PDB file of N, CA and C in Angstrom:
ATOM      1  N   MET A   1       5.365   3.817  -9.955  1.00  0.00           N
ATOM      2  CA  MET A   1       6.719   3.433  -9.656  1.00  0.00           C
ATOM      3  C   MET A   1       7.582   3.770 -10.870  1.00  0.00           C
ATOM      4  N   LYS A   2       8.794   4.231 -10.579  1.00  0.00           N
ATOM      5  CA  LYS A   2       9.754   4.508 -11.645  1.00  0.00           C
ATOM      6  C   LYS A   2      11.141   4.133 -11.138  1.00  0.00           C
ATOM      7  N   ASN A   3      11.802   3.261 -11.852  1.00  0.00           N
ATOM      8  CA  ASN A   3      13.152   2.806 -11.476  1.00  0.00           C
ATOM      9  C   ASN A   3      13.211   2.278 -10.042  1.00  0.00           C
ATOM     10  N   GLY A   4      12.177   1.548  -9.625  1.00  0.00           N
ATOM     11  CA  GLY A   4      12.154   0.956  -8.290  1.00  0.00           C
ATOM     12  C   GLY A   4      11.824   1.912  -7.166  1.00  0.00           C
ATOM     13  N   LYS A   5      11.450   3.137  -7.503  1.00  0.00           N
ATOM     14  CA  LYS A   5      11.108   4.144  -6.494  1.00  0.00           C
ATOM     15  C   LYS A   5       9.633   4.527  -6.632  1.00  0.00           C
ATOM     16  N   LEU A   6       9.019   4.821  -5.507  1.00  0.00           N
ATOM     17  CA  LEU A   6       7.622   5.247  -5.504  1.00  0.00           C
ATOM     18  C   LEU A   6       7.484   6.630  -6.109  1.00  0.00           C
ATOM     19  N   VAL A   7       6.507   6.796  -6.958  1.00  0.00           N
ATOM     20  CA  VAL A   7       6.165   8.110  -7.499  1.00  0.00           C
ATOM     21  C   VAL A   7       4.876   8.586  -6.845  1.00  0.00           C
ATOM     22  N   ARG A   8       3.869   7.731  -6.846  1.00  0.00           N
ATOM     23  CA  ARG A   8       2.576   8.104  -6.273  1.00  0.00           C
ATOM     24  C   ARG A   8       1.739   6.858  -6.049  1.00  0.00           C
ATOM     25  N   ILE A   9       0.928   6.899  -5.017  1.00  0.00           N
ATOM     26  CA  ILE A   9      -0.059   5.847  -4.784  1.00  0.00           C
ATOM     27  C   ILE A   9      -1.428   6.461  -5.032  1.00  0.00           C
ATOM     28  N   HIS A  10      -2.186   5.841  -5.892  1.00  0.00           N
ATOM     29  CA  HIS A  10      -3.571   6.258  -6.155  1.00  0.00           C
ATOM     30  C   HIS A  10      -4.464   5.387  -5.283  1.00  0.00           C
ATOM     31  N   GLU A  11      -5.017   5.950  -4.250  1.00  0.00           N
ATOM     32  CA  GLU A  11      -5.859   5.198  -3.316  1.00  0.00           C
ATOM     33  C   GLU A  11      -7.249   5.011  -3.906  1.00  0.00           C
ATOM     34  N   LYS A  12      -7.599   3.755  -4.139  1.00  0.00           N
ATOM     35  CA  LYS A  12      -8.911   3.386  -4.662  1.00  0.00           C
ATOM     36  C   LYS A  12      -9.317   4.232  -5.879  1.00  0.00           C
ATOM     37  N   PRO A  13      -8.528   4.162  -6.951  1.00  0.00           N
ATOM     38  CA  PRO A  13      -8.855   4.965  -8.137  1.00  0.00           C
ATOM     39  C   PRO A  13     -10.158   4.508  -8.779  1.00  0.00           C
ATOM     40  N   LYS A  14     -10.885   5.455  -9.336  1.00  0.00           N
ATOM     41  CA  LYS A  14     -12.133   5.125 -10.025  1.00  0.00           C
ATOM     42  C   LYS A  14     -11.860   4.649 -11.443  1.00  0.00           C
ATOM     43  N   GLU A  15     -10.710   5.042 -11.992  1.00  0.00           N
ATOM     44  CA  GLU A  15     -10.334   4.631 -13.329  1.00  0.00           C
ATOM     45  C   GLU A  15      -8.979   3.940 -13.278  1.00  0.00           C
ATOM     46  N   PHE A  16      -8.712   3.104 -14.254  1.00  0.00           N
ATOM     47  CA  PHE A  16      -7.479   2.338 -14.314  1.00  0.00           C
ATOM     48  C   PHE A  16      -6.259   3.258 -14.356  1.00  0.00           C
ATOM     49  N   VAL A  17      -5.293   3.005 -13.466  1.00  0.00           N
ATOM     50  CA  VAL A  17      -4.048   3.785 -13.449  1.00  0.00           C
ATOM     51  C   VAL A  17      -2.809   2.899 -13.585  1.00  0.00           C
ATOM     52  N   GLY A  18      -2.982   1.598 -13.556  1.00  0.00           N
ATOM     53  CA  GLY A  18      -1.854   0.693 -13.694  1.00  0.00           C
ATOM     54  C   GLY A  18      -2.195  -0.690 -13.194  1.00  0.00           C
ATOM     55  N   ASP A  19      -1.270  -1.615 -13.390  1.00  0.00           N
ATOM     56  CA  ASP A  19      -1.551  -2.999 -13.015  1.00  0.00           C
ATOM     57  C   ASP A  19      -0.837  -3.441 -11.736  1.00  0.00           C
ATOM     58  N   LEU A  20      -0.423  -2.483 -10.909  1.00  0.00           N
ATOM     59  CA  LEU A  20       0.181  -2.791  -9.614  1.00  0.00           C
ATOM     60  C   LEU A  20      -0.805  -2.468  -8.503  1.00  0.00           C
ATOM     61  N   ILE A  21      -0.689  -3.180  -7.388  1.00  0.00           N
ATOM     62  CA  ILE A  21      -1.509  -2.884  -6.217  1.00  0.00           C
ATOM     63  C   ILE A  21      -0.596  -2.598  -5.032  1.00  0.00           C
ATOM     64  N   ASN A  22      -1.128  -1.904  -4.065  1.00  0.00           N
ATOM     65  CA  ASN A  22      -0.418  -1.630  -2.825  1.00  0.00           C
ATOM     66  C   ASN A  22      -0.799  -2.724  -1.834  1.00  0.00           C
ATOM     67  N   THR A  23       0.171  -3.536  -1.416  1.00  0.00           N
ATOM     68  CA  THR A  23      -0.122  -4.613  -0.474  1.00  0.00           C
ATOM     69  C   THR A  23      -0.347  -4.103   0.942  1.00  0.00           C
ATOM     70  N   GLY A  24       0.073  -2.867   1.204  1.00  0.00           N
ATOM     71  CA  GLY A  24      -0.060  -2.329   2.554  1.00  0.00           C
ATOM     72  C   GLY A  24       1.013  -2.829   3.503  1.00  0.00           C
ATOM     73  N   LEU A  25       2.098  -3.363   2.962  1.00  0.00           N
ATOM     74  CA  LEU A  25       3.223  -3.807   3.775  1.00  0.00           C
ATOM     75  C   LEU A  25       4.293  -2.730   3.721  1.00  0.00           C
ATOM     76  N   TYR A  26       4.626  -2.158   4.875  1.00  0.00           N
ATOM     77  CA  TYR A  26       5.541  -1.021   4.912  1.00  0.00           C
ATOM     78  C   TYR A  26       6.639  -1.224   5.944  1.00  0.00           C
ATOM     79  N   LYS A  27       7.778  -0.634   5.682  1.00  0.00           N
ATOM     80  CA  LYS A  27       8.852  -0.498   6.671  1.00  0.00           C
ATOM     81  C   LYS A  27       9.202   0.989   6.671  1.00  0.00           C
ATOM     82  N   PHE A  28       8.835   1.676   7.730  1.00  0.00           N
ATOM     83  CA  PHE A  28       8.990   3.128   7.790  1.00  0.00           C
ATOM     84  C   PHE A  28      10.273   3.546   8.495  1.00  0.00           C
ATOM     85  N   THR A  29      10.758   4.710   8.097  1.00  0.00           N
ATOM     86  CA  THR A  29      11.797   5.412   8.830  1.00  0.00           C
ATOM     87  C   THR A  29      11.094   6.570   9.547  1.00  0.00           C
ATOM     88  N   PRO A  30      11.747   7.202  10.505  1.00  0.00           N
ATOM     89  CA  PRO A  30      11.084   8.275  11.257  1.00  0.00           C
ATOM     90  C   PRO A  30      10.588   9.444  10.387  1.00  0.00           C
ATOM     91  N   GLU A  31      11.122   9.598   9.181  1.00  0.00           N
ATOM     92  CA  GLU A  31      10.700  10.708   8.316  1.00  0.00           C
ATOM     93  C   GLU A  31       9.212  10.676   7.989  1.00  0.00           C
ATOM     94  N   ILE A  32       8.588   9.517   8.066  1.00  0.00           N
ATOM     95  CA  ILE A  32       7.157   9.428   7.730  1.00  0.00           C
ATOM     96  C   ILE A  32       6.325  10.341   8.626  1.00  0.00           C
ATOM     97  N   TYR A  33       6.772  10.561   9.868  1.00  0.00           N
ATOM     98  CA  TYR A  33       5.989  11.385  10.796  1.00  0.00           C
ATOM     99  C   TYR A  33       5.868  12.835  10.319  1.00  0.00           C
ATOM    100  N   ASN A  34       6.883  13.338   9.649  1.00  0.00           N
ATOM    101  CA  ASN A  34       6.806  14.699   9.107  1.00  0.00           C
ATOM    102  C   ASN A  34       5.694  14.826   8.080  1.00  0.00           C
ATOM    103  N   TYR A  35       5.459  13.767   7.342  1.00  0.00           N
ATOM    104  CA  TYR A  35       4.464  13.800   6.277  1.00  0.00           C
ATOM    105  C   TYR A  35       3.075  13.418   6.775  1.00  0.00           C
ATOM    106  N   LEU A  36       3.002  12.598   7.793  1.00  0.00           N
ATOM    107  CA  LEU A  36       1.700  12.286   8.391  1.00  0.00           C
ATOM    108  C   LEU A  36       1.041  13.553   8.930  1.00  0.00           C
ATOM    109  N   ALA A  37       1.856  14.440   9.475  1.00  0.00           N
ATOM    110  CA  ALA A  37       1.328  15.691  10.033  1.00  0.00           C
ATOM    111  C   ALA A  37       0.783  16.624   8.952  1.00  0.00           C
ATOM    112  N   GLN A  38       1.136  16.393   7.691  1.00  0.00           N
ATOM    113  CA  GLN A  38       0.728  17.282   6.596  1.00  0.00           C
ATOM    114  C   GLN A  38      -0.525  16.828   5.852  1.00  0.00           C
ATOM    115  N   ILE A  39      -0.962  15.591   6.056  1.00  0.00           N
ATOM    116  CA  ILE A  39      -2.094  15.120   5.259  1.00  0.00           C
ATOM    117  C   ILE A  39      -3.412  15.687   5.769  1.00  0.00           C
ATOM    118  N   LYS A  40      -4.320  15.793   4.847  1.00  0.00           N
ATOM    119  CA  LYS A  40      -5.662  16.311   5.158  1.00  0.00           C
ATOM    120  C   LYS A  40      -6.683  15.218   4.876  1.00  0.00           C
ATOM    121  N   LEU A  41      -7.902  15.441   5.315  1.00  0.00           N
ATOM    122  CA  LEU A  41      -8.958  14.472   5.036  1.00  0.00           C
ATOM    123  C   LEU A  41      -9.108  14.277   3.529  1.00  0.00           C
ATOM    124  N   SER A  42      -9.247  13.038   3.129  1.00  0.00           N
ATOM    125  CA  SER A  42      -9.430  12.719   1.717  1.00  0.00           C
ATOM    126  C   SER A  42     -10.891  12.966   1.331  1.00  0.00           C
ATOM    127  N   PRO A  43     -11.186  12.923   0.037  1.00  0.00           N
ATOM    128  CA  PRO A  43     -12.593  13.041  -0.390  1.00  0.00           C
ATOM    129  C   PRO A  43     -13.478  11.952   0.225  1.00  0.00           C
ATOM    130  N   ARG A  44     -12.856  10.836   0.645  1.00  0.00           N
ATOM    131  CA  ARG A  44     -13.620   9.767   1.302  1.00  0.00           C
ATOM    132  C   ARG A  44     -13.812  10.046   2.793  1.00  0.00           C
ATOM    133  N   GLY A  45     -13.265  11.172   3.271  1.00  0.00           N
ATOM    134  CA  GLY A  45     -13.421  11.540   4.672  1.00  0.00           C
ATOM    135  C   GLY A  45     -12.473  10.815   5.604  1.00  0.00           C
ATOM    136  N   GLU A  46     -11.342  10.344   5.075  1.00  0.00           N
ATOM    137  CA  GLU A  46     -10.371   9.600   5.869  1.00  0.00           C
ATOM    138  C   GLU A  46      -8.989  10.236   5.736  1.00  0.00           C
ATOM    139  N   TYR A  47      -8.165  10.025   6.736  1.00  0.00           N
ATOM    140  CA  TYR A  47      -6.753  10.371   6.633  1.00  0.00           C
ATOM    141  C   TYR A  47      -6.070   9.171   5.988  1.00  0.00           C
ATOM    142  N   GLU A  48      -5.567   9.354   4.802  1.00  0.00           N
ATOM    143  CA  GLU A  48      -5.004   8.249   4.029  1.00  0.00           C
ATOM    144  C   GLU A  48      -3.490   8.177   4.230  1.00  0.00           C
ATOM    145  N   LEU A  49      -3.012   7.067   4.746  1.00  0.00           N
ATOM    146  CA  LEU A  49      -1.579   6.846   4.883  1.00  0.00           C
ATOM    147  C   LEU A  49      -0.895   6.974   3.524  1.00  0.00           C
ATOM    148  N   THR A  50      -1.567   6.556   2.485  1.00  0.00           N
ATOM    149  CA  THR A  50      -0.983   6.630   1.145  1.00  0.00           C
ATOM    150  C   THR A  50      -0.718   8.068   0.713  1.00  0.00           C
ATOM    151  N   ASP A  51      -1.491   9.025   1.214  1.00  0.00           N
ATOM    152  CA  ASP A  51      -1.219  10.435   0.918  1.00  0.00           C
ATOM    153  C   ASP A  51       0.121  10.862   1.525  1.00  0.00           C
ATOM    154  N   ALA A  52       0.393  10.406   2.739  1.00  0.00           N
ATOM    155  CA  ALA A  52       1.670  10.722   3.377  1.00  0.00           C
ATOM    156  C   ALA A  52       2.829  10.067   2.623  1.00  0.00           C
ATOM    157  N   LEU A  53       2.615   8.861   2.144  1.00  0.00           N
ATOM    158  CA  LEU A  53       3.657   8.179   1.378  1.00  0.00           C
ATOM    159  C   LEU A  53       3.935   8.894   0.063  1.00  0.00           C
ATOM    160  N   THR A  54       2.898   9.395  -0.575  1.00  0.00           N
ATOM    161  CA  THR A  54       3.079  10.144  -1.817  1.00  0.00           C
ATOM    162  C   THR A  54       3.846  11.432  -1.550  1.00  0.00           C
ATOM    163  N   LEU A  55       3.502  12.141  -0.469  1.00  0.00           N
ATOM    164  CA  LEU A  55       4.256  13.353  -0.106  1.00  0.00           C
ATOM    165  C   LEU A  55       5.724  13.024   0.162  1.00  0.00           C
ATOM    166  N   LEU A  56       5.959  11.964   0.895  1.00  0.00           N
ATOM    167  CA  LEU A  56       7.326  11.535   1.190  1.00  0.00           C
ATOM    168  C   LEU A  56       8.080  11.226  -0.105  1.00  0.00           C
ATOM    169  N   ALA A  57       7.428  10.552  -1.030  1.00  0.00           N
ATOM    170  CA  ALA A  57       8.066  10.173  -2.294  1.00  0.00           C
ATOM    171  C   ALA A  57       8.410  11.383  -3.159  1.00  0.00           C
ATOM    172  N   GLN A  58       7.689  12.488  -2.960  1.00  0.00           N
ATOM    173  CA  GLN A  58       7.986  13.702  -3.724  1.00  0.00           C
ATOM    174  C   GLN A  58       9.270  14.374  -3.238  1.00  0.00           C
ATOM    175  N   LYS A  59       9.673  14.099  -2.003  1.00  0.00           N
ATOM    176  CA  LYS A  59      10.848  14.751  -1.408  1.00  0.00           C
ATOM    177  C   LYS A  59      12.037  13.813  -1.207  1.00  0.00           C
ATOM    178  N   GLU A  60      11.755  12.534  -1.003  1.00  0.00           N
ATOM    179  CA  GLU A  60      12.807  11.581  -0.687  1.00  0.00           C
ATOM    180  C   GLU A  60      12.582  10.292  -1.468  1.00  0.00           C
ATOM    181  N   ASN A  61      13.616   9.483  -1.568  1.00  0.00           N
ATOM    182  CA  ASN A  61      13.484   8.198  -2.241  1.00  0.00           C
ATOM    183  C   ASN A  61      12.712   7.224  -1.360  1.00  0.00           C
ATOM    184  N   VAL A  62      11.690   6.635  -1.935  1.00  0.00           N
ATOM    185  CA  VAL A  62      10.919   5.596  -1.259  1.00  0.00           C
ATOM    186  C   VAL A  62      11.041   4.344  -2.115  1.00  0.00           C
ATOM    187  N   ASP A  63      11.728   3.344  -1.598  1.00  0.00           N
ATOM    188  CA  ASP A  63      11.924   2.103  -2.344  1.00  0.00           C
ATOM    189  C   ASP A  63      10.628   1.313  -2.424  1.00  0.00           C
ATOM    190  N   VAL A  64      10.436   0.654  -3.552  1.00  0.00           N
ATOM    191  CA  VAL A  64       9.286  -0.221  -3.764  1.00  0.00           C
ATOM    192  C   VAL A  64       9.815  -1.629  -3.982  1.00  0.00           C
ATOM    193  N   VAL A  65       9.240  -2.583  -3.282  1.00  0.00           N
ATOM    194  CA  VAL A  65       9.590  -3.988  -3.473  1.00  0.00           C
ATOM    195  C   VAL A  65       8.371  -4.662  -4.088  1.00  0.00           C
ATOM    196  N   GLN A  66       8.569  -5.250  -5.247  1.00  0.00           N
ATOM    197  CA  GLN A  66       7.459  -5.928  -5.901  1.00  0.00           C
ATOM    198  C   GLN A  66       7.382  -7.373  -5.412  1.00  0.00           C
ATOM    199  N   VAL A  67       6.185  -7.787  -4.996  1.00  0.00           N
ATOM    200  CA  VAL A  67       5.927  -9.168  -4.603  1.00  0.00           C
ATOM    201  C   VAL A  67       5.636  -9.931  -5.887  1.00  0.00           C
ATOM    202  N   LYS A  68       6.409 -10.978  -6.124  1.00  0.00           N
ATOM    203  CA  LYS A  68       6.263 -11.689  -7.397  1.00  0.00           C
ATOM    204  C   LYS A  68       5.664 -13.079  -7.229  1.00  0.00           C
ATOM    205  N   ASP A  69       5.495 -13.548  -6.027  1.00  0.00           N
ATOM    206  CA  ASP A  69       4.963 -14.894  -5.829  1.00  0.00           C
ATOM    207  C   ASP A  69       3.441 -14.839  -5.719  1.00  0.00           C
ATOM    208  N   TYR A  70       2.943 -14.434  -4.583  1.00  0.00           N
ATOM    209  CA  TYR A  70       1.497 -14.323  -4.388  1.00  0.00           C
ATOM    210  C   TYR A  70       1.236 -13.326  -3.281  1.00  0.00           C
ATOM    211  N   TRP A  71       0.018 -12.860  -3.244  1.00  0.00           N
ATOM    212  CA  TRP A  71      -0.418 -11.919  -2.228  1.00  0.00           C
ATOM    213  C   TRP A  71      -1.902 -12.136  -2.031  1.00  0.00           C
ATOM    214  N   LEU A  72      -2.342 -12.133  -0.790  1.00  0.00           N
ATOM    215  CA  LEU A  72      -3.762 -12.311  -0.477  1.00  0.00           C
ATOM    216  C   LEU A  72      -4.252 -11.133   0.338  1.00  0.00           C
ATOM    217  N   ASP A  73      -5.420 -10.657   0.008  1.00  0.00           N
ATOM    218  CA  ASP A  73      -6.012  -9.533   0.712  1.00  0.00           C
ATOM    219  C   ASP A  73      -6.645 -10.014   2.007  1.00  0.00           C
ATOM    220  N   LEU A  74      -6.327  -9.346   3.101  1.00  0.00           N
ATOM    221  CA  LEU A  74      -6.960  -9.613   4.393  1.00  0.00           C
ATOM    222  C   LEU A  74      -7.603  -8.306   4.828  1.00  0.00           C
ATOM    223  N   GLY A  75      -8.690  -7.970   4.159  1.00  0.00           N
ATOM    224  CA  GLY A  75      -9.359  -6.704   4.407  1.00  0.00           C
ATOM    225  C   GLY A  75     -10.644  -6.834   5.206  1.00  0.00           C
ATOM    226  N   THR A  76     -11.188  -8.046   5.251  1.00  0.00           N
ATOM    227  CA  THR A  76     -12.424  -8.264   5.999  1.00  0.00           C
ATOM    228  C   THR A  76     -12.320  -9.594   6.739  1.00  0.00           C
ATOM    229  N   THR A  77     -13.202  -9.789   7.684  1.00  0.00           N
ATOM    230  CA  THR A  77     -13.205 -11.064   8.413  1.00  0.00           C
ATOM    231  C   THR A  77     -13.546 -12.223   7.480  1.00  0.00           C
ATOM    232  N   ALA A  78     -14.269 -11.963   6.404  1.00  0.00           N
ATOM    233  CA  ALA A  78     -14.604 -13.023   5.447  1.00  0.00           C
ATOM    234  C   ALA A  78     -13.356 -13.570   4.761  1.00  0.00           C
ATOM    235  N   ASP A  79     -12.285 -12.785   4.714  1.00  0.00           N
ATOM    236  CA  ASP A  79     -11.046 -13.226   4.075  1.00  0.00           C
ATOM    237  C   ASP A  79     -10.258 -14.212   4.925  1.00  0.00           C
ATOM    238  N   ILE A  80     -10.538 -14.281   6.215  1.00  0.00           N
ATOM    239  CA  ILE A  80      -9.761 -15.131   7.117  1.00  0.00           C
ATOM    240  C   ILE A  80      -9.840 -16.594   6.695  1.00  0.00           C
ATOM    241  N   GLN A  81     -11.030 -17.081   6.434  1.00  0.00           N
ATOM    242  CA  GLN A  81     -11.192 -18.488   6.042  1.00  0.00           C
ATOM    243  C   GLN A  81     -10.501 -18.764   4.712  1.00  0.00           C
ATOM    244  N   LYS A  82     -10.620 -17.851   3.781  1.00  0.00           N
ATOM    245  CA  LYS A  82      -9.976 -18.015   2.474  1.00  0.00           C
ATOM    246  C   LYS A  82      -8.456 -18.134   2.643  1.00  0.00           C
ATOM    247  N   ILE A  83      -7.877 -17.294   3.472  1.00  0.00           N
ATOM    248  CA  ILE A  83      -6.435 -17.326   3.693  1.00  0.00           C
ATOM    249  C   ILE A  83      -6.030 -18.574   4.462  1.00  0.00           C
ATOM    250  N   GLU A  84      -6.832 -18.958   5.447  1.00  0.00           N
ATOM    251  CA  GLU A  84      -6.532 -20.185   6.188  1.00  0.00           C
ATOM    252  C   GLU A  84      -6.526 -21.389   5.240  1.00  0.00           C
ATOM    253  N   ASN A  85      -7.500 -21.471   4.355  1.00  0.00           N
ATOM    254  CA  ASN A  85      -7.550 -22.570   3.386  1.00  0.00           C
ATOM    255  C   ASN A  85      -6.322 -22.549   2.478  1.00  0.00           C
ATOM    256  N   PHE A  86      -5.962 -21.379   2.014  1.00  0.00           N
ATOM    257  CA  PHE A  86      -4.788 -21.238   1.147  1.00  0.00           C
ATOM    258  C   PHE A  86      -3.527 -21.729   1.853  1.00  0.00           C
ATOM    259  N   LEU A  87      -3.315 -21.282   3.086  1.00  0.00           N
ATOM    260  CA  LEU A  87      -2.118 -21.676   3.837  1.00  0.00           C
ATOM    261  C   LEU A  87      -2.111 -23.165   4.132  1.00  0.00           C
ATOM    262  N   ASN A  88      -3.259 -23.731   4.488  1.00  0.00           N
ATOM    263  CA  ASN A  88      -3.335 -25.161   4.756  1.00  0.00           C
ATOM    264  C   ASN A  88      -3.019 -25.971   3.499  1.00  0.00           C
ATOM    265  N   ASN A  89      -3.484 -25.522   2.345  1.00  0.00           N
ATOM    266  CA  ASN A  89      -3.223 -26.247   1.098  1.00  0.00           C
ATOM    267  C   ASN A  89      -1.752 -26.151   0.700  1.00  0.00           C
ATOM    268  N   ARG A  90      -1.063 -25.079   1.070  1.00  0.00           N
ATOM    269  CA  ARG A  90       0.358 -24.922   0.727  1.00  0.00           C
ATOM    270  C   ARG A  90       1.229 -25.839   1.588  1.00  0.00           C
ATOM    271  N   ARG A  91       0.750 -26.211   2.778  1.00  0.00           N
ATOM    272  CA  ARG A  91       1.528 -27.066   3.679  1.00  0.00           C
ATOM    273  C   ARG A  91       1.549 -28.514   3.208  1.00  0.00           C
ATOM    274  N   LYS A  92       0.591 -28.901   2.401  1.00  0.00           N
ATOM    275  CA  LYS A  92       0.465 -30.306   1.981  1.00  0.00           C
ATOM    276  C   LYS A  92       1.507 -30.682   0.967  1.00  0.00           C
TER     277      LYS A  92
END
């Protein structure tokens, strides 16, 4: 990120590239479709949405909003209970 704009997303880097994470929360404009059509399979054998976002950021301004309160990963079913506990404790 530079001046509140996306420069590049490093998807699952093997080495440290910074202290920010991608929450995976997006609000897209129709321009994203032009870049989705350009991405190729990643070394992990997947089509990475983050590759399309990086391409978009090279041509157009992509705003970045930093979450400053908290963020919880919901990447597996095991995370559901952890998040439910967190939300229940915040209601008290």
